[in-house]
Amino acid sequence: HQMALEKSGKEYEKFKKQQKVIEKEASLKELEENIKNLKKSVK
């Protein structure tokens, strides 16, 4: 039982790291979109 808990804990850590990366990339894309829209509205 203990080993299963440790394994799922490691899997969860990996999952959390992936989520952070995905969130970072998503917010970067959002920023780029916002910048594009700002440039359009400035013209």
C-alpha atoms as a PDB file:
ATOM      1  CA  HIS A   1       0.000   0.000   0.000  1.00  0.00           C
ATOM      2  CA  GLN A   2       2.786   2.399   0.925  1.00  0.00           C
ATOM      3  CA  MET A   3       4.555   1.839  -2.380  1.00  0.00           C
ATOM      4  CA  ALA A   4       1.371   2.496  -4.315  1.00  0.00           C
ATOM      5  CA  LEU A   5       0.957   5.762  -2.437  1.00  0.00           C
ATOM      6  CA  GLU A   6       4.511   6.807  -3.245  1.00  0.00           C
ATOM      7  CA  LYS A   7       4.043   5.926  -6.907  1.00  0.00           C
ATOM      8  CA  SER A   8       0.831   7.924  -7.198  1.00  0.00           C
ATOM      9  CA  GLY A   9       2.519  10.780  -5.361  1.00  0.00           C
ATOM     10  CA  LYS A  10       5.287  10.860  -7.957  1.00  0.00           C
ATOM     11  CA  GLU A  11       2.751  10.670 -10.774  1.00  0.00           C
ATOM     12  CA  TYR A  12       0.854  13.555  -9.184  1.00  0.00           C
ATOM     13  CA  GLU A  13       4.024  15.661  -8.949  1.00  0.00           C
ATOM     14  CA  LYS A  14       4.716  15.003 -12.643  1.00  0.00           C
ATOM     15  CA  PHE A  15       1.133  15.926 -13.479  1.00  0.00           C
ATOM     16  CA  LYS A  16       1.352  19.168 -11.509  1.00  0.00           C
ATOM     17  CA  LYS A  17       4.591  20.137 -13.287  1.00  0.00           C
ATOM     18  CA  GLN A  18       2.984  19.495 -16.673  1.00  0.00           C
ATOM     19  CA  GLN A  19      -0.027  21.581 -15.676  1.00  0.00           C
ATOM     20  CA  LYS A  20       2.250  24.490 -14.729  1.00  0.00           C
ATOM     21  CA  VAL A  21       3.998  24.305 -18.104  1.00  0.00           C
ATOM     22  CA  ILE A  22       0.679  24.180 -19.949  1.00  0.00           C
ATOM     23  CA  GLU A  23      -0.668  27.125 -17.947  1.00  0.00           C
ATOM     24  CA  LYS A  24       2.507  29.119 -18.637  1.00  0.00           C
ATOM     25  CA  GLU A  25       2.245  28.473 -22.375  1.00  0.00           C
ATOM     26  CA  ALA A  26      -1.455  29.315 -22.384  1.00  0.00           C
ATOM     27  CA  SER A  27      -0.887  32.626 -20.605  1.00  0.00           C
ATOM     28  CA  LEU A  28       1.956  33.437 -23.007  1.00  0.00           C
ATOM     29  CA  LYS A  29      -0.351  32.871 -25.977  1.00  0.00           C
ATOM     30  CA  GLU A  30      -2.990  34.997 -24.273  1.00  0.00           C
ATOM     31  CA  LEU A  31      -0.449  37.783 -23.796  1.00  0.00           C
ATOM     32  CA  GLU A  32       0.536  37.621 -27.460  1.00  0.00           C
ATOM     33  CA  GLU A  33      -3.120  37.848 -28.485  1.00  0.00           C
ATOM     34  CA  ASN A  34      -3.637  40.834 -26.193  1.00  0.00           C
ATOM     35  CA  ILE A  35      -0.600  42.578 -27.673  1.00  0.00           C
ATOM     36  CA  LYS A  36      -1.837  41.952 -31.223  1.00  0.00           C
ATOM     37  CA  ASN A  37      -5.255  43.339 -30.312  1.00  0.00           C
ATOM     38  CA  LEU A  38      -3.679  46.378 -28.668  1.00  0.00           C
ATOM     39  CA  LYS A  39      -1.628  47.117 -31.779  1.00  0.00           C
ATOM     40  CA  LYS A  40      -4.767  46.848 -33.918  1.00  0.00           C
ATOM     41  CA  SER A  41      -6.718  49.245 -31.711  1.00  0.00           C
ATOM     42  CA  VAL A  42      -3.850  51.746 -31.613  1.00  0.00           C
ATOM     43  CA  LYS A  43      -3.848  52.186 -35.399  1.00  0.00           C
END
